[in-house]
Amino acid sequence: MSFLEGALIALLLTLPFAVYRLVWGPTLPDRVVGLDLITTVSVALAALYALVSGQTAFLDVATALALFAFLATLGLARYIEYRGHKED
């Protein structure tokens, strides 16, 4: 097993913990962190798989997913901020 394959396995092992945080997070910011972690791990998995397999199309997938994750984080942060002002 190469180092890259070991990194793929390590990233796959982190996903259940991120899903746990997303589903059973006690607060909304905890769930946003879980979603961020899932998308970050997914980007890393796609990039590492592109390196292992030599298929550069997965780098395009990783780039698009990273952009989507960034926009989702911005949107959720604005929602949390708006909700906080609404409760005051």
N, C-alpha and C. Protein backbone atom coordinates (compact mmCIF):
# COMPACT_ATOMS: atom_id res chain seq x y z
N MET A 1 0.85 -1.18 0.00
CA MET A 1 0.00 0.00 0.00
C MET A 1 0.90 1.24 0.00
N SER A 2 0.59 2.17 -0.87
CA SER A 2 1.39 3.39 -0.96
C SER A 2 0.89 4.43 0.05
N PHE A 3 1.65 5.49 0.17
CA PHE A 3 1.28 6.57 1.09
C PHE A 3 -0.05 7.20 0.69
N LEU A 4 -0.27 7.39 -0.62
CA LEU A 4 -1.52 8.01 -1.09
C LEU A 4 -2.73 7.13 -0.79
N GLU A 5 -2.57 5.83 -0.95
CA GLU A 5 -3.68 4.92 -0.62
C GLU A 5 -3.97 4.94 0.88
N GLY A 6 -2.92 5.03 1.68
CA GLY A 6 -3.11 5.15 3.13
C GLY A 6 -3.82 6.44 3.50
N ALA A 7 -3.48 7.52 2.80
CA ALA A 7 -4.16 8.79 3.05
C ALA A 7 -5.64 8.71 2.66
N LEU A 8 -5.93 8.02 1.56
CA LEU A 8 -7.34 7.82 1.16
C LEU A 8 -8.11 7.08 2.25
N ILE A 9 -7.51 6.03 2.78
CA ILE A 9 -8.17 5.25 3.83
C ILE A 9 -8.36 6.11 5.09
N ALA A 10 -7.35 6.88 5.46
CA ALA A 10 -7.47 7.74 6.64
C ALA A 10 -8.58 8.77 6.47
N LEU A 11 -8.69 9.33 5.28
CA LEU A 11 -9.77 10.30 5.03
C LEU A 11 -11.14 9.63 5.09
N LEU A 12 -11.23 8.42 4.56
CA LEU A 12 -12.51 7.70 4.62
C LEU A 12 -12.91 7.39 6.06
N LEU A 13 -11.93 7.16 6.92
CA LEU A 13 -12.23 6.87 8.32
C LEU A 13 -12.72 8.11 9.08
N THR A 14 -12.44 9.30 8.58
CA THR A 14 -12.92 10.51 9.25
C THR A 14 -14.37 10.84 8.91
N LEU A 15 -14.87 10.30 7.82
CA LEU A 15 -16.23 10.65 7.39
C LEU A 15 -17.32 10.28 8.41
N PRO A 16 -17.29 9.11 9.05
CA PRO A 16 -18.35 8.82 10.03
C PRO A 16 -18.42 9.84 11.18
N PHE A 17 -17.26 10.35 11.60
CA PHE A 17 -17.25 11.35 12.67
C PHE A 17 -17.86 12.67 12.20
N ALA A 18 -17.60 13.02 10.96
CA ALA A 18 -18.18 14.24 10.40
C ALA A 18 -19.68 14.09 10.23
N VAL A 19 -20.12 12.92 9.79
CA VAL A 19 -21.57 12.69 9.65
C VAL A 19 -22.24 12.73 11.01
N TYR A 20 -21.58 12.18 12.03
CA TYR A 20 -22.12 12.24 13.38
C TYR A 20 -22.31 13.69 13.82
N ARG A 21 -21.30 14.53 13.56
CA ARG A 21 -21.39 15.95 13.93
C ARG A 21 -22.49 16.65 13.15
N LEU A 22 -22.66 16.28 11.89
CA LEU A 22 -23.69 16.89 11.06
C LEU A 22 -25.08 16.50 11.53
N VAL A 23 -25.29 15.24 11.84
CA VAL A 23 -26.63 14.76 12.18
C VAL A 23 -26.99 15.06 13.63
N TRP A 24 -26.07 14.81 14.55
CA TRP A 24 -26.39 14.94 15.97
C TRP A 24 -25.69 16.11 16.64
N GLY A 25 -25.23 17.08 15.86
CA GLY A 25 -24.59 18.25 16.45
C GLY A 25 -25.59 19.00 17.33
N PRO A 26 -25.18 19.40 18.50
CA PRO A 26 -26.15 20.04 19.40
C PRO A 26 -26.64 21.41 18.91
N THR A 27 -25.82 22.12 18.15
CA THR A 27 -26.23 23.44 17.69
C THR A 27 -26.04 23.54 16.18
N LEU A 28 -26.64 24.57 15.60
CA LEU A 28 -26.51 24.78 14.16
C LEU A 28 -25.07 25.03 13.73
N PRO A 29 -24.28 25.84 14.45
CA PRO A 29 -22.87 25.98 14.04
C PRO A 29 -22.10 24.66 14.05
N ASP A 30 -22.41 23.76 14.99
CA ASP A 30 -21.77 22.45 15.00
C ASP A 30 -22.11 21.68 13.73
N ARG A 31 -23.33 21.78 13.30
CA ARG A 31 -23.75 21.08 12.07
C ARG A 31 -23.09 21.69 10.84
N VAL A 32 -22.90 22.99 10.84
CA VAL A 32 -22.20 23.64 9.73
C VAL A 32 -20.75 23.17 9.68
N VAL A 33 -20.12 23.03 10.84
CA VAL A 33 -18.75 22.52 10.89
C VAL A 33 -18.70 21.09 10.36
N GLY A 34 -19.69 20.28 10.71
CA GLY A 34 -19.75 18.91 10.19
C GLY A 34 -19.89 18.88 8.68
N LEU A 35 -20.74 19.75 8.14
CA LEU A 35 -20.91 19.82 6.69
C LEU A 35 -19.63 20.30 6.02
N ASP A 36 -18.97 21.28 6.62
CA ASP A 36 -17.69 21.76 6.09
C ASP A 36 -16.64 20.65 6.08
N LEU A 37 -16.60 19.88 7.14
CA LEU A 37 -15.63 18.79 7.21
C LEU A 37 -15.92 17.74 6.15
N ILE A 38 -17.19 17.42 5.94
CA ILE A 38 -17.54 16.43 4.92
C ILE A 38 -17.12 16.92 3.54
N THR A 39 -17.39 18.17 3.23
CA THR A 39 -17.02 18.67 1.90
C THR A 39 -15.50 18.79 1.75
N THR A 40 -14.81 19.17 2.81
CA THR A 40 -13.35 19.26 2.74
C THR A 40 -12.73 17.88 2.53
N VAL A 41 -13.23 16.90 3.24
CA VAL A 41 -12.73 15.53 3.06
C VAL A 41 -13.07 15.03 1.67
N SER A 42 -14.24 15.37 1.16
CA SER A 42 -14.61 14.95 -0.19
C SER A 42 -13.69 15.58 -1.24
N VAL A 43 -13.34 16.83 -1.06
CA VAL A 43 -12.40 17.49 -1.98
C VAL A 43 -11.05 16.79 -1.92
N ALA A 44 -10.59 16.51 -0.72
CA ALA A 44 -9.29 15.83 -0.57
C ALA A 44 -9.33 14.43 -1.17
N LEU A 45 -10.45 13.72 -0.98
CA LEU A 45 -10.58 12.39 -1.57
C LEU A 45 -10.53 12.44 -3.09
N ALA A 46 -11.23 13.39 -3.67
CA ALA A 46 -11.23 13.52 -5.14
C ALA A 46 -9.84 13.86 -5.66
N ALA A 47 -9.15 14.75 -4.96
CA ALA A 47 -7.80 15.13 -5.40
C ALA A 47 -6.82 13.97 -5.25
N LEU A 48 -6.89 13.26 -4.14
CA LEU A 48 -6.00 12.12 -3.95
C LEU A 48 -6.31 11.00 -4.94
N TYR A 49 -7.59 10.79 -5.21
CA TYR A 49 -7.94 9.76 -6.19
C TYR A 49 -7.44 10.14 -7.58
N ALA A 50 -7.46 11.41 -7.89
CA ALA A 50 -6.90 11.86 -9.17
C ALA A 50 -5.41 11.56 -9.24
N LEU A 51 -4.70 11.74 -8.13
CA LEU A 51 -3.27 11.42 -8.11
C LEU A 51 -3.02 9.92 -8.23
N VAL A 52 -3.82 9.13 -7.52
CA VAL A 52 -3.62 7.68 -7.52
C VAL A 52 -3.97 7.08 -8.88
N SER A 53 -5.09 7.50 -9.45
CA SER A 53 -5.57 6.88 -10.69
C SER A 53 -5.02 7.55 -11.94
N GLY A 54 -4.55 8.77 -11.83
CA GLY A 54 -4.06 9.47 -13.00
C GLY A 54 -5.15 10.09 -13.85
N GLN A 55 -6.37 10.11 -13.36
CA GLN A 55 -7.50 10.70 -14.09
C GLN A 55 -7.67 12.14 -13.63
N THR A 56 -7.33 13.06 -14.50
CA THR A 56 -7.35 14.47 -14.11
C THR A 56 -8.76 15.04 -14.01
N ALA A 57 -9.76 14.33 -14.48
CA ALA A 57 -11.13 14.82 -14.38
C ALA A 57 -11.56 14.97 -12.92
N PHE A 58 -10.97 14.18 -12.04
CA PHE A 58 -11.32 14.29 -10.63
C PHE A 58 -10.81 15.59 -10.01
N LEU A 59 -9.80 16.19 -10.60
CA LEU A 59 -9.35 17.50 -10.13
C LEU A 59 -10.39 18.57 -10.44
N ASP A 60 -11.06 18.44 -11.58
CA ASP A 60 -12.16 19.36 -11.89
C ASP A 60 -13.30 19.18 -10.90
N VAL A 61 -13.59 17.94 -10.56
CA VAL A 61 -14.64 17.66 -9.57
C VAL A 61 -14.25 18.26 -8.22
N ALA A 62 -13.01 18.10 -7.83
CA ALA A 62 -12.55 18.64 -6.54
C ALA A 62 -12.64 20.16 -6.52
N THR A 63 -12.28 20.79 -7.62
CA THR A 63 -12.35 22.26 -7.70
C THR A 63 -13.79 22.74 -7.61
N ALA A 64 -14.69 22.10 -8.35
CA ALA A 64 -16.10 22.49 -8.31
C ALA A 64 -16.70 22.27 -6.93
N LEU A 65 -16.36 21.15 -6.30
CA LEU A 65 -16.87 20.87 -4.97
C LEU A 65 -16.33 21.86 -3.94
N ALA A 66 -15.08 22.26 -4.08
CA ALA A 66 -14.51 23.26 -3.16
C ALA A 66 -15.22 24.60 -3.31
N LEU A 67 -15.52 24.97 -4.54
CA LEU A 67 -16.25 26.22 -4.77
C LEU A 67 -17.65 26.15 -4.17
N PHE A 68 -18.33 25.03 -4.38
CA PHE A 68 -19.66 24.84 -3.81
C PHE A 68 -19.61 24.89 -2.29
N ALA A 69 -18.61 24.25 -1.70
CA ALA A 69 -18.48 24.24 -0.24
C ALA A 69 -18.24 25.64 0.31
N PHE A 70 -17.43 26.41 -0.39
CA PHE A 70 -17.16 27.78 0.03
C PHE A 70 -18.45 28.61 0.01
N LEU A 71 -19.20 28.50 -1.08
CA LEU A 71 -20.45 29.27 -1.18
C LEU A 71 -21.48 28.80 -0.15
N ALA A 72 -21.53 27.51 0.10
CA ALA A 72 -22.46 26.99 1.11
C ALA A 72 -22.09 27.49 2.50
N THR A 73 -20.81 27.54 2.80
CA THR A 73 -20.36 28.05 4.09
C THR A 73 -20.71 29.52 4.25
N LEU A 74 -20.51 30.30 3.20
CA LEU A 74 -20.89 31.71 3.26
C LEU A 74 -22.39 31.87 3.50
N GLY A 75 -23.18 31.11 2.78
CA GLY A 75 -24.63 31.19 2.94
C GLY A 75 -25.08 30.78 4.33
N LEU A 76 -24.53 29.71 4.84
CA LEU A 76 -24.92 29.26 6.18
C LEU A 76 -24.44 30.23 7.26
N ALA A 77 -23.28 30.83 7.08
CA ALA A 77 -22.79 31.82 8.05
C ALA A 77 -23.70 33.04 8.06
N ARG A 78 -24.13 33.48 6.89
CA ARG A 78 -25.05 34.62 6.84
C ARG A 78 -26.39 34.26 7.47
N TYR A 79 -26.85 33.03 7.27
CA TYR A 79 -28.10 32.59 7.88
C TYR A 79 -27.98 32.58 9.40
N ILE A 80 -26.87 32.06 9.91
CA ILE A 80 -26.67 32.02 11.36
C ILE A 80 -26.60 33.44 11.92
N GLU A 81 -25.91 34.33 11.21
CA GLU A 81 -25.83 35.72 11.65
C GLU A 81 -27.21 36.38 11.64
N TYR A 82 -27.99 36.16 10.59
CA TYR A 82 -29.33 36.73 10.49
C TYR A 82 -30.22 36.19 11.60
N ARG A 83 -30.13 34.90 11.85
CA ARG A 83 -30.95 34.28 12.88
C ARG A 83 -30.58 34.82 14.26
N GLY A 84 -29.30 35.11 14.48
CA GLY A 84 -28.86 35.67 15.75
C GLY A 84 -29.40 37.07 15.97
N HIS A 85 -29.43 37.90 14.91
CA HIS A 85 -29.98 39.25 15.03
C HIS A 85 -31.49 39.21 15.21
N LYS A 86 -32.13 38.23 14.62
CA LYS A 86 -33.58 38.12 14.71
C LYS A 86 -34.02 37.76 16.13
N GLU A 87 -33.19 36.95 16.83
CA GLU A 87 -33.54 36.54 18.19
C GLU A 87 -33.31 37.64 19.21
N ASP A 88 -32.49 38.65 18.89
CA ASP A 88 -32.20 39.73 19.85
C ASP A 88 -33.35 40.65 20.07
